[in-house]
Structures are given as structure tokens and as C-alpha cells.
C-alpha atoms as a PDB file:
ATOM      1  CA  UNK A   1      -0.080   0.046   0.329  1.00  0.00           C
ATOM      2  CA  UNK A   2       2.747   2.438   0.812  1.00  0.00           C
ATOM      3  CA  UNK A   3       4.781   1.745  -2.367  1.00  0.00           C
ATOM      4  CA  UNK A   4       1.564   2.112  -4.486  1.00  0.00           C
ATOM      5  CA  UNK A   5       0.766   5.543  -2.748  1.00  0.00           C
ATOM      6  CA  UNK A   6       4.397   6.562  -3.089  1.00  0.00           C
ATOM      7  CA  UNK A   7       4.022   5.996  -6.876  1.00  0.00           C
ATOM      8  CA  UNK A   8       0.872   8.043  -7.008  1.00  0.00           C
ATOM      9  CA  UNK A   9      -1.721   5.115  -6.834  1.00  0.00           C
ATOM     10  CA  UNK A  10      -3.938   6.611  -4.246  1.00  0.00           C
ATOM     11  CA  UNK A  11      -6.912   4.395  -5.053  1.00  0.00           C
ATOM     12  CA  UNK A  12      -4.753   1.245  -5.098  1.00  0.00           C
ATOM     13  CA  UNK A  13      -3.119   2.059  -1.830  1.00  0.00           C
ATOM     14  CA  UNK A  14      -6.571   1.991  -0.177  1.00  0.00           C
ATOM     15  CA  UNK A  15      -7.436  -1.292  -1.836  1.00  0.00           C
ATOM     16  CA  UNK A  16      -4.481  -2.838  -0.402  1.00  0.00           C
ATOM     17  CA  UNK A  17      -5.398  -1.269   2.963  1.00  0.00           C
ATOM     18  CA  UNK A  18      -8.942  -2.685   2.934  1.00  0.00           C
ATOM     19  CA  UNK A  19      -7.255  -6.258   2.313  1.00  0.00           C
ATOM     20  CA  UNK A  20      -4.946  -5.633   5.337  1.00  0.00           C
ATOM     21  CA  UNK A  21      -8.140  -4.614   7.312  1.00  0.00           C
ATOM     22  CA  UNK A  22      -9.664  -8.004   6.710  1.00  0.00           C
ATOM     23  CA  UNK A  23      -6.644  -9.825   7.853  1.00  0.00           C
ATOM     24  CA  UNK A  24      -5.775  -7.469  10.808  1.00  0.00           C
ATOM     25  CA  UNK A  25      -8.190  -4.978  11.734  1.00  0.00           C
ATOM     26  CA  UNK A  26      -6.133  -3.194  14.437  1.00  0.00           C
ATOM     27  CA  UNK A  27      -2.524  -2.630  12.729  1.00  0.00           C
ATOM     28  CA  UNK A  28      -0.588   0.452  13.461  1.00  0.00           C
ATOM     29  CA  UNK A  29       1.275   0.838  10.237  1.00  0.00           C
ATOM     30  CA  UNK A  30      -2.096   0.317   8.148  1.00  0.00           C
ATOM     31  CA  UNK A  31      -3.467   3.286  10.303  1.00  0.00           C
ATOM     32  CA  UNK A  32      -0.197   5.655   9.316  1.00  0.00           C
ATOM     33  CA  UNK A  33      -0.441   4.583   5.864  1.00  0.00           C
ATOM     34  CA  UNK A  34      -4.096   5.451   5.762  1.00  0.00           C
ATOM     35  CA  UNK A  35      -3.580   8.849   7.484  1.00  0.00           C
ATOM     36  CA  UNK A  36      -1.442   9.510   4.352  1.00  0.00           C
ATOM     37  CA  UNK A  37      -4.295   8.448   2.022  1.00  0.00           C
ATOM     38  CA  UNK A  38      -6.373  10.834   3.528  1.00  0.00           C
ATOM     39  CA  UNK A  39      -3.757  13.273   2.898  1.00  0.00           C
ATOM     40  CA  UNK A  40      -3.028  12.387  -0.670  1.00  0.00           C
ATOM     41  CA  UNK A  41      -6.917  12.841  -1.379  1.00  0.00           C
ATOM     42  CA  UNK A  42      -6.786  16.535  -0.242  1.00  0.00           C
ATOM     43  CA  UNK A  43      -8.249  15.940   3.052  1.00  0.00           C
ATOM     44  CA  UNK A  44      -6.055  17.858   5.216  1.00  0.00           C
ATOM     45  CA  UNK A  45      -8.536  18.214   8.172  1.00  0.00           C
ATOM     46  CA  UNK A  46      -9.334  14.475   8.231  1.00  0.00           C
ATOM     47  CA  UNK A  47      -5.486  13.503   8.130  1.00  0.00           C
ATOM     48  CA  UNK A  48      -4.484  15.851  10.936  1.00  0.00           C
ATOM     49  CA  UNK A  49      -7.146  14.310  13.069  1.00  0.00           C
ATOM     50  CA  UNK A  50      -5.951  10.905  12.216  1.00  0.00           C
ATOM     51  CA  UNK A  51      -2.265  11.790  12.840  1.00  0.00           C
ATOM     52  CA  UNK A  52      -2.985  13.488  16.227  1.00  0.00           C
ATOM     53  CA  UNK A  53      -4.691  10.242  17.334  1.00  0.00           C
ATOM     54  CA  UNK A  54      -1.675   8.374  16.434  1.00  0.00           C
ATOM     55  CA  UNK A  55       0.740  10.373  18.104  1.00  0.00           C
ATOM     56  CA  UNK A  56      -1.258  10.486  21.513  1.00  0.00           C
ATOM     57  CA  UNK A  57       0.953   8.739  23.685  1.00  0.00           C
ATOM     58  CA  UNK A  58       3.713   8.212  21.513  1.00  0.00           C
ATOM     59  CA  UNK A  59       6.432  10.663  20.521  1.00  0.00           C
ATOM     60  CA  UNK A  60       8.872   8.302  18.766  1.00  0.00           C
ATOM     61  CA  UNK A  61       7.775   7.999  15.125  1.00  0.00           C
ATOM     62  CA  UNK A  62       9.367  10.038  12.477  1.00  0.00           C
ATOM     63  CA  UNK A  63       6.534   8.937   9.842  1.00  0.00           C
ATOM     64  CA  UNK A  64       3.615  10.390  12.385  1.00  0.00           C
ATOM     65  CA  UNK A  65       5.499  13.612  13.130  1.00  0.00           C
ATOM     66  CA  UNK A  66       5.889  14.375   9.136  1.00  0.00           C
ATOM     67  CA  UNK A  67       2.288  13.352   8.512  1.00  0.00           C
ATOM     68  CA  UNK A  68       1.398  15.572  10.981  1.00  0.00           C
ATOM     69  CA  UNK A  69       3.253  18.484   9.756  1.00  0.00           C
ATOM     70  CA  UNK A  70       2.046  17.998   6.217  1.00  0.00           C
ATOM     71  CA  UNK A  71      -1.751  18.001   7.349  1.00  0.00           C
ATOM     72  CA  UNK A  72      -1.208  20.940   9.578  1.00  0.00           C
ATOM     73  CA  UNK A  73       0.431  22.677   6.888  1.00  0.00           C
ATOM     74  CA  UNK A  74      -2.056  21.518   4.298  1.00  0.00           C
ATOM     75  CA  UNK A  75      -4.892  23.147   6.571  1.00  0.00           C
ATOM     76  CA  UNK A  76      -2.920  26.304   6.758  1.00  0.00           C
ATOM     77  CA  UNK A  77      -1.994  25.688  10.577  1.00  0.00           C
ATOM     78  CA  UNK A  78       1.548  27.285  10.186  1.00  0.00           C
ATOM     79  CA  UNK A  79       2.610  27.054  14.004  1.00  0.00           C
ATOM     80  CA  UNK A  80       1.257  23.350  14.214  1.00  0.00           C
ATOM     81  CA  UNK A  81       3.067  22.347  11.240  1.00  0.00           C
ATOM     82  CA  UNK A  82       6.224  23.827  12.416  1.00  0.00           C
ATOM     83  CA  UNK A  83       5.940  22.390  15.934  1.00  0.00           C
ATOM     84  CA  UNK A  84       5.371  18.803  14.305  1.00  0.00           C
ATOM     85  CA  UNK A  85       8.115  18.891  11.714  1.00  0.00           C
ATOM     86  CA  UNK A  86      10.513  20.254  14.547  1.00  0.00           C
ATOM     87  CA  UNK A  87       9.312  17.107  16.574  1.00  0.00           C
ATOM     88  CA  UNK A  88      10.248  15.055  13.387  1.00  0.00           C
ATOM     89  CA  UNK A  89      13.959  16.703  13.328  1.00  0.00           C
ATOM     90  CA  UNK A  90      14.239  15.904  16.935  1.00  0.00           C
ATOM     91  CA  UNK A  91      13.951  12.331  16.278  1.00  0.00           C
ATOM     92  CA  UNK A  92      15.683  12.115  12.566  1.00  0.00           C
ATOM     93  CA  UNK A  93      17.786  15.374  11.971  1.00  0.00           C
ATOM     94  CA  UNK A  94      18.903  14.202   8.774  1.00  0.00           C
ATOM     95  CA  UNK A  95      15.940  15.001   6.710  1.00  0.00           C
ATOM     96  CA  UNK A  96      16.726  17.446   4.173  1.00  0.00           C
ATOM     97  CA  UNK A  97      12.998  18.216   2.825  1.00  0.00           C
ATOM     98  CA  UNK A  98      11.583  18.675   6.267  1.00  0.00           C
ATOM     99  CA  UNK A  99      14.170  21.035   7.241  1.00  0.00           C
ATOM    100  CA  UNK A 100      13.549  23.446   4.223  1.00  0.00           C
ATOM    101  CA  UNK A 101       9.727  23.118   5.084  1.00  0.00           C
ATOM    102  CA  UNK A 102      10.775  24.509   8.576  1.00  0.00           C
ATOM    103  CA  UNK A 103      12.549  27.100   7.139  1.00  0.00           C
ATOM    104  CA  UNK A 104       9.963  28.133   4.616  1.00  0.00           C
ATOM    105  CA  UNK A 105       7.403  27.972   7.376  1.00  0.00           C
ATOM    106  CA  UNK A 106       9.194  30.087   9.829  1.00  0.00           C
ATOM    107  CA  UNK A 107       9.357  32.699   7.070  1.00  0.00           C
ATOM    108  CA  UNK A 108       5.677  32.479   6.414  1.00  0.00           C
ATOM    109  CA  UNK A 109       5.045  32.747  10.069  1.00  0.00           C
ATOM    110  CA  UNK A 110       7.214  35.894  10.380  1.00  0.00           C
ATOM    111  CA  UNK A 111       5.767  37.515   7.507  1.00  0.00           C
ATOM    112  CA  UNK A 112       2.188  36.770   9.109  1.00  0.00           C
ATOM    113  CA  UNK A 113       2.776  37.811  12.404  1.00  0.00           C
ATOM    114  CA  UNK A 114       4.525  41.092  11.237  1.00  0.00           C
ATOM    115  CA  UNK A 115       1.448  41.867   8.891  1.00  0.00           C
ATOM    116  CA  UNK A 116      -0.811  40.913  11.790  1.00  0.00           C
ATOM    117  CA  UNK A 117       1.296  43.163  13.965  1.00  0.00           C
ATOM    118  CA  UNK A 118       1.520  46.212  11.429  1.00  0.00           C
ATOM    119  CA  UNK A 119      -2.118  46.203  11.026  1.00  0.00           C
ATOM    120  CA  UNK A 120      -3.037  46.143  14.526  1.00  0.00           C
ATOM    121  CA  UNK A 121      -0.905  49.057  15.181  1.00  0.00           C
ATOM    122  CA  UNK A 122      -2.360  50.794  12.504  1.00  0.00           C
ATOM    123  CA  UNK A 123      -5.607  50.495  14.253  1.00  0.00           C
ATOM    124  CA  UNK A 124      -4.483  51.352  17.489  1.00  0.00           C
ATOM    125  CA  UNK A 125      -4.498  47.965  18.977  1.00  0.00           C
ATOM    126  CA  UNK A 126      -1.303  48.007  20.775  1.00  0.00           C
ATOM    127  CA  UNK A 127      -1.807  44.801  23.098  1.00  0.00           C
ATOM    128  CA  UNK A 128      -2.411  42.915  19.696  1.00  0.00           C
ATOM    129  CA  UNK A 129       0.384  44.417  17.621  1.00  0.00           C
ATOM    130  CA  UNK A 130       2.715  43.901  20.733  1.00  0.00           C
ATOM    131  CA  UNK A 131       1.831  40.096  20.992  1.00  0.00           C
ATOM    132  CA  UNK A 132       2.195  39.757  17.208  1.00  0.00           C
ATOM    133  CA  UNK A 133       5.747  41.806  17.176  1.00  0.00           C
ATOM    134  CA  UNK A 134       6.914  39.304  20.152  1.00  0.00           C
ATOM    135  CA  UNK A 135       5.899  36.266  18.051  1.00  0.00           C
ATOM    136  CA  UNK A 136       7.965  37.502  15.434  1.00  0.00           C
ATOM    137  CA  UNK A 137      10.833  38.057  17.526  1.00  0.00           C
ATOM    138  CA  UNK A 138      10.744  34.458  18.777  1.00  0.00           C
ATOM    139  CA  UNK A 139      11.309  33.432  15.006  1.00  0.00           C
ATOM    140  CA  UNK A 140      13.601  35.994  14.183  1.00  0.00           C
ATOM    141  CA  UNK A 141      15.397  37.365  17.570  1.00  0.00           C
ATOM    142  CA  UNK A 142      18.206  39.210  15.800  1.00  0.00           C
ATOM    143  CA  UNK A 143      15.818  41.362  13.838  1.00  0.00           C
ATOM    144  CA  UNK A 144      16.349  44.903  14.883  1.00  0.00           C
ATOM    145  CA  UNK A 145      13.341  46.308  13.047  1.00  0.00           C
ATOM    146  CA  UNK A 146      10.982  44.242  14.902  1.00  0.00           C
ATOM    147  CA  UNK A 147      12.205  45.976  18.210  1.00  0.00           C
ATOM    148  CA  UNK A 148      12.166  49.207  16.547  1.00  0.00           C
ATOM    149  CA  UNK A 149       8.927  49.281  15.172  1.00  0.00           C
ATOM    150  CA  UNK A 150       7.209  47.793  18.408  1.00  0.00           C
ATOM    151  CA  UNK A 151       9.178  50.548  20.358  1.00  0.00           C
ATOM    152  CA  UNK A 152       7.994  53.428  18.150  1.00  0.00           C
ATOM    153  CA  UNK A 153       4.229  52.048  18.759  1.00  0.00           C
ATOM    154  CA  UNK A 154       4.981  51.881  22.356  1.00  0.00           C
ATOM    155  CA  UNK A 155       5.930  55.425  22.552  1.00  0.00           C
ATOM    156  CA  UNK A 156       3.136  56.443  20.272  1.00  0.00           C
ATOM    157  CA  UNK A 157       0.815  54.735  23.020  1.00  0.00           C
ATOM    158  CA  UNK A 158       2.492  56.389  26.073  1.00  0.00           C
ATOM    159  CA  UNK A 159       4.254  53.420  26.976  1.00  0.00           C
ATOM    160  CA  UNK A 160       7.735  55.263  27.569  1.00  0.00           C
ATOM    161  CA  UNK A 161       9.277  52.655  29.544  1.00  0.00           C
ATOM    162  CA  UNK A 162       8.461  49.718  27.334  1.00  0.00           C
ATOM    163  CA  UNK A 163       9.519  51.775  24.535  1.00  0.00           C
ATOM    164  CA  UNK A 164      12.975  52.472  26.008  1.00  0.00           C
ATOM    165  CA  UNK A 165      13.443  48.774  26.552  1.00  0.00           C
ATOM    166  CA  UNK A 166      12.832  47.702  23.030  1.00  0.00           C
ATOM    167  CA  UNK A 167      14.486  50.624  21.435  1.00  0.00           C
ATOM    168  CA  UNK A 168      17.721  49.906  23.356  1.00  0.00           C
ATOM    169  CA  UNK A 169      17.313  46.395  22.353  1.00  0.00           C
ATOM    170  CA  UNK A 170      17.141  47.332  18.676  1.00  0.00           C
ATOM    171  CA  UNK A 171      20.144  49.726  18.742  1.00  0.00           C
ATOM    172  CA  UNK A 172      22.205  46.897  20.673  1.00  0.00           C
ATOM    173  CA  UNK A 173      21.233  44.603  17.683  1.00  0.00           C
ATOM    174  CA  UNK A 174      22.085  47.274  14.934  1.00  0.00           C
ATOM    175  CA  UNK A 175      24.055  50.136  16.296  1.00  0.00           C
ATOM    176  CA  UNK A 176      23.854  51.832  13.236  1.00  0.00           C
ATOM    177  CA  UNK A 177      20.021  51.780  12.878  1.00  0.00           C
ATOM    178  CA  UNK A 178      19.650  55.823  12.868  1.00  0.00           C
ATOM    179  CA  UNK A 179      15.827  55.641  13.193  1.00  0.00           C
ATOM    180  CA  UNK A 180      15.794  53.327  16.079  1.00  0.00           C
ATOM    181  CA  UNK A 181      18.254  55.907  17.669  1.00  0.00           C
ATOM    182  CA  UNK A 182      16.031  58.885  16.955  1.00  0.00           C
ATOM    183  CA  UNK A 183      13.271  57.016  18.398  1.00  0.00           C
ATOM    184  CA  UNK A 184      15.026  56.144  21.255  1.00  0.00           C
ATOM    185  CA  UNK A 185      16.170  59.917  21.750  1.00  0.00           C
ATOM    186  CA  UNK A 186      12.286  60.702  21.957  1.00  0.00           C
ATOM    187  CA  UNK A 187      11.768  58.251  24.278  1.00  0.00           C
ATOM    188  CA  UNK A 188      14.626  58.993  26.688  1.00  0.00           C
ATOM    189  CA  UNK A 189      13.864  62.637  26.452  1.00  0.00           C
ATOM    190  CA  UNK A 190      10.187  61.689  27.167  1.00  0.00           C
ATOM    191  CA  UNK A 191      11.349  59.956  30.197  1.00  0.00           C
ATOM    192  CA  UNK A 192      13.125  62.673  31.680  1.00  0.00           C
ATOM    193  CA  UNK A 193      16.513  61.447  30.761  1.00  0.00           C
ATOM    194  CA  UNK A 194      17.648  64.642  28.552  1.00  0.00           C
ATOM    195  CA  UNK A 195      21.263  63.537  28.719  1.00  0.00           C
ATOM    196  CA  UNK A 196      20.563  60.024  27.220  1.00  0.00           C
ATOM    197  CA  UNK A 197      18.275  61.507  24.793  1.00  0.00           C
ATOM    198  CA  UNK A 198      20.863  64.077  23.535  1.00  0.00           C
ATOM    199  CA  UNK A 199      23.526  60.892  23.407  1.00  0.00           C
ATOM    200  CA  UNK A 200      20.826  59.021  21.207  1.00  0.00           C
ATOM    201  CA  UNK A 201      20.384  61.859  18.833  1.00  0.00           C
ATOM    202  CA  UNK A 202      23.760  62.587  18.421  1.00  0.00           C
ATOM    203  CA  UNK A 203      24.491  59.165  17.322  1.00  0.00           C
ATOM    204  CA  UNK A 204      21.597  59.218  15.144  1.00  0.00           C
ATOM    205  CA  UNK A 205      23.102  62.248  13.383  1.00  0.00           C
END
């Protein structure tokens, strides 16, 4: 059944699984292939449920972890797919296709979080924007612009202390970020630290 599925004969694989079920109703390898058949037929939600059941109490099967990642990716659940793929790589680090999927989904998740953060910020929803920025920072902790954008948003909302912290982090990552330095000057000056504000402005200049 697995060979037929790999060759693209989904119906043939399903027929072989039916024969297998007649001989042995409870057979875990057949359950795994059945979940992949659901996936091949475009039923990502059904496959995700099947793989989730297979994963209960078991965290040692690469085939289940990869299948779950494919199913979650298929139904647009980026975070769940990433979690499953990373679990698979923990079990088998030398899976180039899975590694590439992790890279792609990490970038996609970062783009989605950044878009959500900017959208929420434009609406004045600082809490939602901050949460999205923080998720993006987990994926890309060395991106100074994330801290700068969040710091500017915090400053505009009156959260001066938080703005100072995030803008300082932006400058630590990229000392040549003139925009972050100028915003830090605003934040420090607004908090009463005139000397610090002047120093930040000078560095920005």
C-alpha cells in the first residue's frame, strides 16, 4: 500500500489497506498509511485528526510527526505544522525536505506575524500588535527592525518605559539603525533622561 501511494496510485493503496484490514483490523502501520491516503486525497483536516490520534502517547515515530506536519500545513495551521516538523527533526535530524519546510514555514510565520502586528498598530490596538511582534521576535530574535517598530508603537501609545527597553534592544542589535536611535532619543527625552536623549540623537546624526 505504501509503495502504491508513493507511486501516486492512491486508490490502489486504499484497496491494499482494505485487504489488510480484513486480515488484521488493528494494525498501526496500516493506520499510518491510511492517514497518508487521506492527505493524498486532499483531506488535510481528516488527516490531521488521524495523525493526532496516532501521536497520542507516542513521540517516537518520524512518519507520524512528518505526516502531522504535512496535514497541519495543508490546512493552513503554520504554528502546528512547525511544531510537528521540529519534532520529526528531533527524531531524525537528517531530513532535508523537512528542514526546508521548517525554514519556509518559519519565514511565512514571520511574515504573517509582521503583517498582523502592523495592521493592529495602524488600528491603535497596541496589545494585539505587541503580541504579534513578540511572536515574530521568537522566530527572528536578531531583527532590529522588529524591536524598533514595536518601540515606536509603544512610544506613540504612551508606554515610554517599554519603548525605551525595546528601542535599546534594537540599537544593541544594530548600532547603525539611525531611526531606532532617533526614536530612542524621543523616548529617553520623554522619560526625563535628557542626557541620554541627547546622546541618542547625536549617534543618530
